[in-house]
Amino acid sequence: AVDPAADDLTGALRAANHGDPVDVVL
């Protein structure tokens, strides 16, 4: 789970995916 207000949301999403970019975003 990630806070969408994170300054670097892109980085936070990738970090939550073990550092990898993500396949799908809803």
mmCIF file of all heavy atoms, coordinates in Angstrom:
data_MODEL
# 
_entry.id   MODEL 
# 
loop_
_atom_site.group_PDB 
_atom_site.id 
_atom_site.type_symbol 
_atom_site.label_atom_id 
_atom_site.label_alt_id 
_atom_site.label_comp_id 
_atom_site.label_asym_id 
_atom_site.label_entity_id 
_atom_site.label_seq_id 
_atom_site.pdbx_PDB_ins_code 
_atom_site.Cartn_x 
_atom_site.Cartn_y 
_atom_site.Cartn_z 
_atom_site.occupancy 
_atom_site.B_iso_or_equiv 
_atom_site.pdbx_formal_charge 
_atom_site.auth_seq_id 
_atom_site.auth_comp_id 
_atom_site.auth_asym_id 
_atom_site.auth_atom_id 
_atom_site.pdbx_PDB_model_num 
ATOM 1   N N   . ALA A 1 1  ? 0.850  -1.196 0.000   1.00 0.00 ? 1  ALA A N   1 
ATOM 2   C CA  . ALA A 1 1  ? 0.000  0.000  0.000   1.00 0.00 ? 1  ALA A CA  1 
ATOM 3   C C   . ALA A 1 1  ? 0.879  1.237  0.000   1.00 0.00 ? 1  ALA A C   1 
ATOM 4   O O   . ALA A 1 1  ? 1.884  1.299  0.712   1.00 0.00 ? 1  ALA A O   1 
ATOM 5   C CB  . ALA A 1 1  ? -0.926 -0.002 1.209   1.00 0.00 ? 1  ALA A CB  1 
ATOM 6   N N   . VAL A 1 2  ? 0.485  2.232  -0.803  1.00 0.00 ? 2  VAL A N   1 
ATOM 7   C CA  . VAL A 1 2  ? 1.292  3.424  -1.042  1.00 0.00 ? 2  VAL A CA  1 
ATOM 8   C C   . VAL A 1 2  ? 0.427  4.666  -0.834  1.00 0.00 ? 2  VAL A C   1 
ATOM 9   O O   . VAL A 1 2  ? -0.767 4.667  -1.172  1.00 0.00 ? 2  VAL A O   1 
ATOM 10  C CB  . VAL A 1 2  ? 1.849  3.405  -2.485  1.00 0.00 ? 2  VAL A CB  1 
ATOM 11  C CG1 . VAL A 1 2  ? 2.511  4.726  -2.846  1.00 0.00 ? 2  VAL A CG1 1 
ATOM 12  C CG2 . VAL A 1 2  ? 2.833  2.244  -2.648  1.00 0.00 ? 2  VAL A CG2 1 
ATOM 13  N N   . ASP A 1 3  ? 1.040  5.718  -0.304  1.00 0.00 ? 3  ASP A N   1 
ATOM 14  C CA  . ASP A 1 3  ? 0.369  7.015  -0.169  1.00 0.00 ? 3  ASP A CA  1 
ATOM 15  C C   . ASP A 1 3  ? 0.428  7.728  -1.520  1.00 0.00 ? 3  ASP A C   1 
ATOM 16  O O   . ASP A 1 3  ? 1.522  8.010  -2.026  1.00 0.00 ? 3  ASP A O   1 
ATOM 17  C CB  . ASP A 1 3  ? 1.076  7.851  0.891   1.00 0.00 ? 3  ASP A CB  1 
ATOM 18  C CG  . ASP A 1 3  ? 0.358  9.171  1.177   1.00 0.00 ? 3  ASP A CG  1 
ATOM 19  O OD1 . ASP A 1 3  ? -0.565 9.542  0.424   1.00 0.00 ? 3  ASP A OD1 1 
ATOM 20  O OD2 . ASP A 1 3  ? 0.749  9.830  2.164   1.00 0.00 ? 3  ASP A OD2 1 
ATOM 21  N N   . PRO A 1 4  ? -0.732 8.049  -2.149  1.00 0.00 ? 4  PRO A N   1 
ATOM 22  C CA  . PRO A 1 4  ? -0.694 8.690  -3.462  1.00 0.00 ? 4  PRO A CA  1 
ATOM 23  C C   . PRO A 1 4  ? -0.152 10.114 -3.416  1.00 0.00 ? 4  PRO A C   1 
ATOM 24  O O   . PRO A 1 4  ? 0.165  10.680 -4.463  1.00 0.00 ? 4  PRO A O   1 
ATOM 25  C CB  . PRO A 1 4  ? -2.166 8.671  -3.907  1.00 0.00 ? 4  PRO A CB  1 
ATOM 26  C CG  . PRO A 1 4  ? -2.941 8.633  -2.634  1.00 0.00 ? 4  PRO A CG  1 
ATOM 27  C CD  . PRO A 1 4  ? -2.117 7.811  -1.693  1.00 0.00 ? 4  PRO A CD  1 
ATOM 28  N N   . ALA A 1 5  ? -0.033 10.686 -2.224  1.00 0.00 ? 5  ALA A N   1 
ATOM 29  C CA  . ALA A 1 5  ? 0.514  12.037 -2.100  1.00 0.00 ? 5  ALA A CA  1 
ATOM 30  C C   . ALA A 1 5  ? 2.037  12.052 -2.036  1.00 0.00 ? 5  ALA A C   1 
ATOM 31  O O   . ALA A 1 5  ? 2.647  13.127 -1.892  1.00 0.00 ? 5  ALA A O   1 
ATOM 32  C CB  . ALA A 1 5  ? -0.047 12.717 -0.852  1.00 0.00 ? 5  ALA A CB  1 
ATOM 33  N N   . ALA A 1 6  ? 2.676  10.906 -2.152  1.00 0.00 ? 6  ALA A N   1 
ATOM 34  C CA  . ALA A 1 6  ? 4.143  10.841 -2.132  1.00 0.00 ? 6  ALA A CA  1 
ATOM 35  C C   . ALA A 1 6  ? 4.723  11.765 -3.194  1.00 0.00 ? 6  ALA A C   1 
ATOM 36  O O   . ALA A 1 6  ? 4.210  11.838 -4.312  1.00 0.00 ? 6  ALA A O   1 
ATOM 37  C CB  . ALA A 1 6  ? 4.602  9.410  -2.377  1.00 0.00 ? 6  ALA A CB  1 
ATOM 38  N N   . ASP A 1 7  ? 5.780  12.509 -2.844  1.00 0.00 ? 7  ASP A N   1 
ATOM 39  C CA  . ASP A 1 7  ? 6.394  13.449 -3.784  1.00 0.00 ? 7  ASP A CA  1 
ATOM 40  C C   . ASP A 1 7  ? 6.787  12.751 -5.083  1.00 0.00 ? 7  ASP A C   1 
ATOM 41  O O   . ASP A 1 7  ? 6.579  13.275 -6.179  1.00 0.00 ? 7  ASP A O   1 
ATOM 42  C CB  . ASP A 1 7  ? 7.615  14.118 -3.155  1.00 0.00 ? 7  ASP A CB  1 
ATOM 43  C CG  . ASP A 1 7  ? 7.230  15.090 -2.040  1.00 0.00 ? 7  ASP A CG  1 
ATOM 44  O OD1 . ASP A 1 7  ? 6.066  15.552 -2.045  1.00 0.00 ? 7  ASP A OD1 1 
ATOM 45  O OD2 . ASP A 1 7  ? 8.077  15.360 -1.173  1.00 0.00 ? 7  ASP A OD2 1 
ATOM 46  N N   . ASP A 1 8  ? 7.387  11.585 -4.954  1.00 0.00 ? 8  ASP A N   1 
ATOM 47  C CA  . ASP A 1 8  ? 7.783  10.785 -6.118  1.00 0.00 ? 8  ASP A CA  1 
ATOM 48  C C   . ASP A 1 8  ? 6.889  9.555  -6.164  1.00 0.00 ? 8  ASP A C   1 
ATOM 49  O O   . ASP A 1 8  ? 7.286  8.462  -5.736  1.00 0.00 ? 8  ASP A O   1 
ATOM 50  C CB  . ASP A 1 8  ? 9.260  10.399 -6.014  1.00 0.00 ? 8  ASP A CB  1 
ATOM 51  C CG  . ASP A 1 8  ? 9.734  9.552  -7.205  1.00 0.00 ? 8  ASP A CG  1 
ATOM 52  O OD1 . ASP A 1 8  ? 8.974  9.445  -8.200  1.00 0.00 ? 8  ASP A OD1 1 
ATOM 53  O OD2 . ASP A 1 8  ? 10.833 8.976  -7.114  1.00 0.00 ? 8  ASP A OD2 1 
ATOM 54  N N   . LEU A 1 9  ? 5.676  9.723  -6.655  1.00 0.00 ? 9  LEU A N   1 
ATOM 55  C CA  . LEU A 1 9  ? 4.737  8.595  -6.696  1.00 0.00 ? 9  LEU A CA  1 
ATOM 56  C C   . LEU A 1 9  ? 5.237  7.507  -7.639  1.00 0.00 ? 9  LEU A C   1 
ATOM 57  O O   . LEU A 1 9  ? 5.088  6.318  -7.361  1.00 0.00 ? 9  LEU A O   1 
ATOM 58  C CB  . LEU A 1 9  ? 3.344  9.082  -7.122  1.00 0.00 ? 9  LEU A CB  1 
ATOM 59  C CG  . LEU A 1 9  ? 2.255  8.008  -7.205  1.00 0.00 ? 9  LEU A CG  1 
ATOM 60  C CD1 . LEU A 1 9  ? 2.090  7.281  -5.877  1.00 0.00 ? 9  LEU A CD1 1 
ATOM 61  C CD2 . LEU A 1 9  ? 0.931  8.628  -7.647  1.00 0.00 ? 9  LEU A CD2 1 
ATOM 62  N N   . THR A 1 10 ? 5.859  7.910  -8.744  1.00 0.00 ? 10 THR A N   1 
ATOM 63  C CA  . THR A 1 10 ? 6.418  6.924  -9.675  1.00 0.00 ? 10 THR A CA  1 
ATOM 64  C C   . THR A 1 10 ? 7.412  6.017  -8.960  1.00 0.00 ? 10 THR A C   1 
ATOM 65  O O   . THR A 1 10 ? 7.342  4.785  -9.052  1.00 0.00 ? 10 THR A O   1 
ATOM 66  C CB  . THR A 1 10 ? 7.113  7.622  -10.852 1.00 0.00 ? 10 THR A CB  1 
ATOM 67  O OG1 . THR A 1 10 ? 6.153  8.408  -11.567 1.00 0.00 ? 10 THR A OG1 1 
ATOM 68  C CG2 . THR A 1 10 ? 7.731  6.603  -11.798 1.00 0.00 ? 10 THR A CG2 1 
ATOM 69  N N   . GLY A 1 11 ? 8.311  6.634  -8.211  1.00 0.00 ? 11 GLY A N   1 
ATOM 70  C CA  . GLY A 1 11 ? 9.295  5.857  -7.465  1.00 0.00 ? 11 GLY A CA  1 
ATOM 71  C C   . GLY A 1 11 ? 8.662  4.995  -6.394  1.00 0.00 ? 11 GLY A C   1 
ATOM 72  O O   . GLY A 1 11 ? 9.087  3.858  -6.161  1.00 0.00 ? 11 GLY A O   1 
ATOM 73  N N   . ALA A 1 12 ? 7.633  5.518  -5.728  1.00 0.00 ? 12 ALA A N   1 
ATOM 74  C CA  . ALA A 1 12 ? 6.971  4.768  -4.665  1.00 0.00 ? 12 ALA A CA  1 
ATOM 75  C C   . ALA A 1 12 ? 6.266  3.540  -5.220  1.00 0.00 ? 12 ALA A C   1 
ATOM 76  O O   . ALA A 1 12 ? 6.291  2.461  -4.609  1.00 0.00 ? 12 ALA A O   1 
ATOM 77  C CB  . ALA A 1 12 ? 5.977  5.667  -3.932  1.00 0.00 ? 12 ALA A CB  1 
ATOM 78  N N   . LEU A 1 13 ? 5.638  3.674  -6.382  1.00 0.00 ? 13 LEU A N   1 
ATOM 79  C CA  . LEU A 1 13 ? 4.957  2.538  -6.994  1.00 0.00 ? 13 LEU A CA  1 
ATOM 80  C C   . LEU A 1 13 ? 5.966  1.473  -7.421  1.00 0.00 ? 13 LEU A C   1 
ATOM 81  O O   . LEU A 1 13 ? 5.745  0.273  -7.220  1.00 0.00 ? 13 LEU A O   1 
ATOM 82  C CB  . LEU A 1 13 ? 4.120  2.992  -8.195  1.00 0.00 ? 13 LEU A CB  1 
ATOM 83  C CG  . LEU A 1 13 ? 2.931  3.913  -7.893  1.00 0.00 ? 13 LEU A CG  1 
ATOM 84  C CD1 . LEU A 1 13 ? 2.250  4.342  -9.181  1.00 0.00 ? 13 LEU A CD1 1 
ATOM 85  C CD2 . LEU A 1 13 ? 1.929  3.216  -6.968  1.00 0.00 ? 13 LEU A CD2 1 
ATOM 86  N N   . ARG A 1 14 ? 7.061  1.915  -7.994  1.00 0.00 ? 14 ARG A N   1 
ATOM 87  C CA  . ARG A 1 14 ? 8.089  0.944  -8.406  1.00 0.00 ? 14 ARG A CA  1 
ATOM 88  C C   . ARG A 1 14 ? 8.722  0.275  -7.188  1.00 0.00 ? 14 ARG A C   1 
ATOM 89  O O   . ARG A 1 14 ? 9.001  -0.934 -7.210  1.00 0.00 ? 14 ARG A O   1 
ATOM 90  C CB  . ARG A 1 14 ? 9.138  1.639  -9.265  1.00 0.00 ? 14 ARG A CB  1 
ATOM 91  C CG  . ARG A 1 14 ? 8.609  2.086  -10.623 1.00 0.00 ? 14 ARG A CG  1 
ATOM 92  C CD  . ARG A 1 14 ? 9.699  2.633  -11.516 1.00 0.00 ? 14 ARG A CD  1 
ATOM 93  N NE  . ARG A 1 14 ? 9.195  2.960  -12.842 1.00 0.00 ? 14 ARG A NE  1 
ATOM 94  C CZ  . ARG A 1 14 ? 9.958  3.311  -13.871 1.00 0.00 ? 14 ARG A CZ  1 
ATOM 95  N NH1 . ARG A 1 14 ? 11.269 3.393  -13.726 1.00 0.00 ? 14 ARG A NH1 1 
ATOM 96  N NH2 . ARG A 1 14 ? 9.410  3.592  -15.037 1.00 0.00 ? 14 ARG A NH2 1 
ATOM 97  N N   . ALA A 1 15 ? 8.961  1.047  -6.136  1.00 0.00 ? 15 ALA A N   1 
ATOM 98  C CA  . ALA A 1 15 ? 9.545  0.466  -4.918  1.00 0.00 ? 15 ALA A CA  1 
ATOM 99  C C   . ALA A 1 15 ? 8.622  -0.605 -4.333  1.00 0.00 ? 15 ALA A C   1 
ATOM 100 O O   . ALA A 1 15 ? 9.091  -1.639 -3.848  1.00 0.00 ? 15 ALA A O   1 
ATOM 101 C CB  . ALA A 1 15 ? 9.797  1.560  -3.887  1.00 0.00 ? 15 ALA A CB  1 
ATOM 102 N N   . ALA A 1 16 ? 7.302  -0.350 -4.406  1.00 0.00 ? 16 ALA A N   1 
ATOM 103 C CA  . ALA A 1 16 ? 6.334  -1.325 -3.896  1.00 0.00 ? 16 ALA A CA  1 
ATOM 104 C C   . ALA A 1 16 ? 6.268  -2.567 -4.766  1.00 0.00 ? 16 ALA A C   1 
ATOM 105 O O   . ALA A 1 16 ? 5.729  -3.598 -4.342  1.00 0.00 ? 16 ALA A O   1 
ATOM 106 C CB  . ALA A 1 16 ? 4.956  -0.687 -3.797  1.00 0.00 ? 16 ALA A CB  1 
ATOM 107 N N   . ASN A 1 17 ? 6.838  -2.465 -5.982  1.00 0.00 ? 17 ASN A N   1 
ATOM 108 C CA  . ASN A 1 17 ? 6.887  -3.611 -6.898  1.00 0.00 ? 17 ASN A CA  1 
ATOM 109 C C   . ASN A 1 17 ? 8.317  -4.152 -6.993  1.00 0.00 ? 17 ASN A C   1 
ATOM 110 O O   . ASN A 1 17 ? 8.766  -4.527 -8.068  1.00 0.00 ? 17 ASN A O   1 
ATOM 111 C CB  . ASN A 1 17 ? 6.356  -3.204 -8.277  1.00 0.00 ? 17 ASN A CB  1 
ATOM 112 C CG  . ASN A 1 17 ? 6.046  -4.400 -9.156  1.00 0.00 ? 17 ASN A CG  1 
ATOM 113 O OD1 . ASN A 1 17 ? 5.558  -5.417 -8.678  1.00 0.00 ? 17 ASN A OD1 1 
ATOM 114 N ND2 . ASN A 1 17 ? 6.324  -4.278 -10.449 1.00 0.00 ? 17 ASN A ND2 1 
ATOM 115 N N   . HIS A 1 18 ? 8.997  -4.147 -5.849  1.00 0.00 ? 18 HIS A N   1 
ATOM 116 C CA  . HIS A 1 18 ? 10.364 -4.681 -5.765  1.00 0.00 ? 18 HIS A CA  1 
ATOM 117 C C   . HIS A 1 18 ? 11.326 -3.919 -6.684  1.00 0.00 ? 18 HIS A C   1 
ATOM 118 O O   . HIS A 1 18 ? 12.299 -4.494 -7.187  1.00 0.00 ? 18 HIS A O   1 
ATOM 119 C CB  . HIS A 1 18 ? 10.405 -6.172 -6.108  1.00 0.00 ? 18 HIS A CB  1 
ATOM 120 C CG  . HIS A 1 18 ? 9.442  -7.011 -5.321  1.00 0.00 ? 18 HIS A CG  1 
ATOM 121 N ND1 . HIS A 1 18 ? 9.437  -7.051 -3.942  1.00 0.00 ? 18 HIS A ND1 1 
ATOM 122 C CD2 . HIS A 1 18 ? 8.433  -7.837 -5.728  1.00 0.00 ? 18 HIS A CD2 1 
ATOM 123 C CE1 . HIS A 1 18 ? 8.480  -7.869 -3.522  1.00 0.00 ? 18 HIS A CE1 1 
ATOM 124 N NE2 . HIS A 1 18 ? 7.851  -8.355 -4.574  1.00 0.00 ? 18 HIS A NE2 1 
ATOM 125 N N   . GLY A 1 19 ? 11.053 -2.633 -6.910  1.00 0.00 ? 19 GLY A N   1 
ATOM 126 C CA  . GLY A 1 19 ? 11.931 -1.806 -7.719  1.00 0.00 ? 19 GLY A CA  1 
ATOM 127 C C   . GLY A 1 19 ? 11.653 -1.845 -9.204  1.00 0.00 ? 19 GLY A C   1 
ATOM 128 O O   . GLY A 1 19 ? 12.292 -1.123 -9.984  1.00 0.00 ? 19 GLY A O   1 
ATOM 129 N N   . ASP A 1 20 ? 10.692 -2.652 -9.629  1.00 0.00 ? 20 ASP A N   1 
ATOM 130 C CA  . ASP A 1 20 ? 10.384 -2.793 -11.058 1.00 0.00 ? 20 ASP A CA  1 
ATOM 131 C C   . ASP A 1 20 ? 9.199  -1.917 -11.458 1.00 0.00 ? 20 ASP A C   1 
ATOM 132 O O   . ASP A 1 20 ? 8.313  -1.629 -10.639 1.00 0.00 ? 20 ASP A O   1 
ATOM 133 C CB  . ASP A 1 20 ? 10.031 -4.245 -11.376 1.00 0.00 ? 20 ASP A CB  1 
ATOM 134 C CG  . ASP A 1 20 ? 11.202 -5.185 -11.158 1.00 0.00 ? 20 ASP A CG  1 
ATOM 135 O OD1 . ASP A 1 20 ? 12.343 -4.760 -11.405 1.00 0.00 ? 20 ASP A OD1 1 
ATOM 136 O OD2 . ASP A 1 20 ? 10.962 -6.332 -10.734 1.00 0.00 ? 20 ASP A OD2 1 
ATOM 137 N N   . PRO A 1 21 ? 9.144  -1.490 -12.731 1.00 0.00 ? 21 PRO A N   1 
ATOM 138 C CA  . PRO A 1 21 ? 7.948  -0.805 -13.218 1.00 0.00 ? 21 PRO A CA  1 
ATOM 139 C C   . PRO A 1 21 ? 6.746  -1.737 -13.162 1.00 0.00 ? 21 PRO A C   1 
ATOM 140 O O   . PRO A 1 21 ? 6.891  -2.963 -13.056 1.00 0.00 ? 21 PRO A O   1 
ATOM 141 C CB  . PRO A 1 21 ? 8.305  -0.414 -14.651 1.00 0.00 ? 21 PRO A CB  1 
ATOM 142 C CG  . PRO A 1 21 ? 9.427  -1.321 -15.025 1.00 0.00 ? 21 PRO A CG  1 
ATOM 143 C CD  . PRO A 1 21 ? 10.165 -1.644 -13.774 1.00 0.00 ? 21 PRO A CD  1 
ATOM 144 N N   . VAL A 1 22 ? 5.546  -1.167 -13.240 1.00 0.00 ? 22 VAL A N   1 
ATOM 145 C CA  . VAL A 1 22 ? 4.321  -1.950 -13.033 1.00 0.00 ? 22 VAL A CA  1 
ATOM 146 C C   . VAL A 1 22 ? 3.650  -2.270 -14.367 1.00 0.00 ? 22 VAL A C   1 
ATOM 147 O O   . VAL A 1 22 ? 3.830  -1.564 -15.361 1.00 0.00 ? 22 VAL A O   1 
ATOM 148 C CB  . VAL A 1 22 ? 3.348  -1.209 -12.105 1.00 0.00 ? 22 VAL A CB  1 
ATOM 149 C CG1 . VAL A 1 22 ? 4.005  -0.962 -10.749 1.00 0.00 ? 22 VAL A CG1 1 
ATOM 150 C CG2 . VAL A 1 22 ? 2.880  0.112  -12.712 1.00 0.00 ? 22 VAL A CG2 1 
ATOM 151 N N   . ASP A 1 23 ? 2.858  -3.340 -14.364 1.00 0.00 ? 23 ASP A N   1 
ATOM 152 C CA  . ASP A 1 23 ? 2.206  -3.780 -15.600 1.00 0.00 ? 23 ASP A CA  1 
ATOM 153 C C   . ASP A 1 23 ? 0.890  -3.077 -15.872 1.00 0.00 ? 23 ASP A C   1 
ATOM 154 O O   . ASP A 1 23 ? 0.573  -2.766 -17.022 1.00 0.00 ? 23 ASP A O   1 
ATOM 155 C CB  . ASP A 1 23 ? 1.955  -5.296 -15.534 1.00 0.00 ? 23 ASP A CB  1 
ATOM 156 C CG  . ASP A 1 23 ? 3.242  -6.089 -15.422 1.00 0.00 ? 23 ASP A CG  1 
ATOM 157 O OD1 . ASP A 1 23 ? 4.124  -5.909 -16.288 1.00 0.00 ? 23 ASP A OD1 1 
ATOM 158 O OD2 . ASP A 1 23 ? 3.373  -6.870 -14.469 1.00 0.00 ? 23 ASP A OD2 1 
ATOM 159 N N   . VAL A 1 24 ? 0.095  -2.852 -14.821 1.00 0.00 ? 24 VAL A N   1 
ATOM 160 C CA  . VAL A 1 24 ? -1.256 -2.312 -14.991 1.00 0.00 ? 24 VAL A CA  1 
ATOM 161 C C   . VAL A 1 24 ? -1.526 -1.278 -13.915 1.00 0.00 ? 24 VAL A C   1 
ATOM 162 O O   . VAL A 1 24 ? -1.125 -1.450 -12.755 1.00 0.00 ? 24 VAL A O   1 
ATOM 163 C CB  . VAL A 1 24 ? -2.318 -3.432 -14.900 1.00 0.00 ? 24 VAL A CB  1 
ATOM 164 C CG1 . VAL A 1 24 ? -3.742 -2.852 -14.896 1.00 0.00 ? 24 VAL A CG1 1 
ATOM 165 C CG2 . VAL A 1 24 ? -2.158 -4.434 -16.036 1.00 0.00 ? 24 VAL A CG2 1 
ATOM 166 N N   . VAL A 1 25 ? -2.204 -0.186 -14.304 1.00 0.00 ? 25 VAL A N   1 
ATOM 167 C CA  . VAL A 1 25 ? -2.684 0.807  -13.341 1.00 0.00 ? 25 VAL A CA  1 
ATOM 168 C C   . VAL A 1 25 ? -4.166 1.049  -13.606 1.00 0.00 ? 25 VAL A C   1 
ATOM 169 O O   . VAL A 1 25 ? -4.563 1.314  -14.746 1.00 0.00 ? 25 VAL A O   1 
ATOM 170 C CB  . VAL A 1 25 ? -1.921 2.150  -13.460 1.00 0.00 ? 25 VAL A CB  1 
ATOM 171 C CG1 . VAL A 1 25 ? -2.501 3.167  -12.479 1.00 0.00 ? 25 VAL A CG1 1 
ATOM 172 C CG2 . VAL A 1 25 ? -0.437 1.957  -13.206 1.00 0.00 ? 25 VAL A CG2 1 
ATOM 173 N N   . LEU A 1 26 ? -4.979 0.956  -12.564 1.00 0.00 ? 26 LEU A N   1 
ATOM 174 C CA  . LEU A 1 26 ? -6.390 1.322  -12.633 1.00 0.00 ? 26 LEU A CA  1 
ATOM 175 C C   . LEU A 1 26 ? -6.517 2.681  -11.964 1.00 0.00 ? 26 LEU A C   1 
ATOM 176 O O   . LEU A 1 26 ? -6.316 2.815  -10.754 1.00 0.00 ? 26 LEU A O   1 
ATOM 177 C CB  . LEU A 1 26 ? -7.261 0.284  -11.929 1.00 0.00 ? 26 LEU A CB  1 
ATOM 178 C CG  . LEU A 1 26 ? -7.068 -1.174 -12.363 1.00 0.00 ? 26 LEU A CG  1 
ATOM 179 C CD1 . LEU A 1 26 ? -8.048 -2.084 -11.627 1.00 0.00 ? 26 LEU A CD1 1 
ATOM 180 C CD2 . LEU A 1 26 ? -7.216 -1.325 -13.872 1.00 0.00 ? 26 LEU A CD2 1 
# 
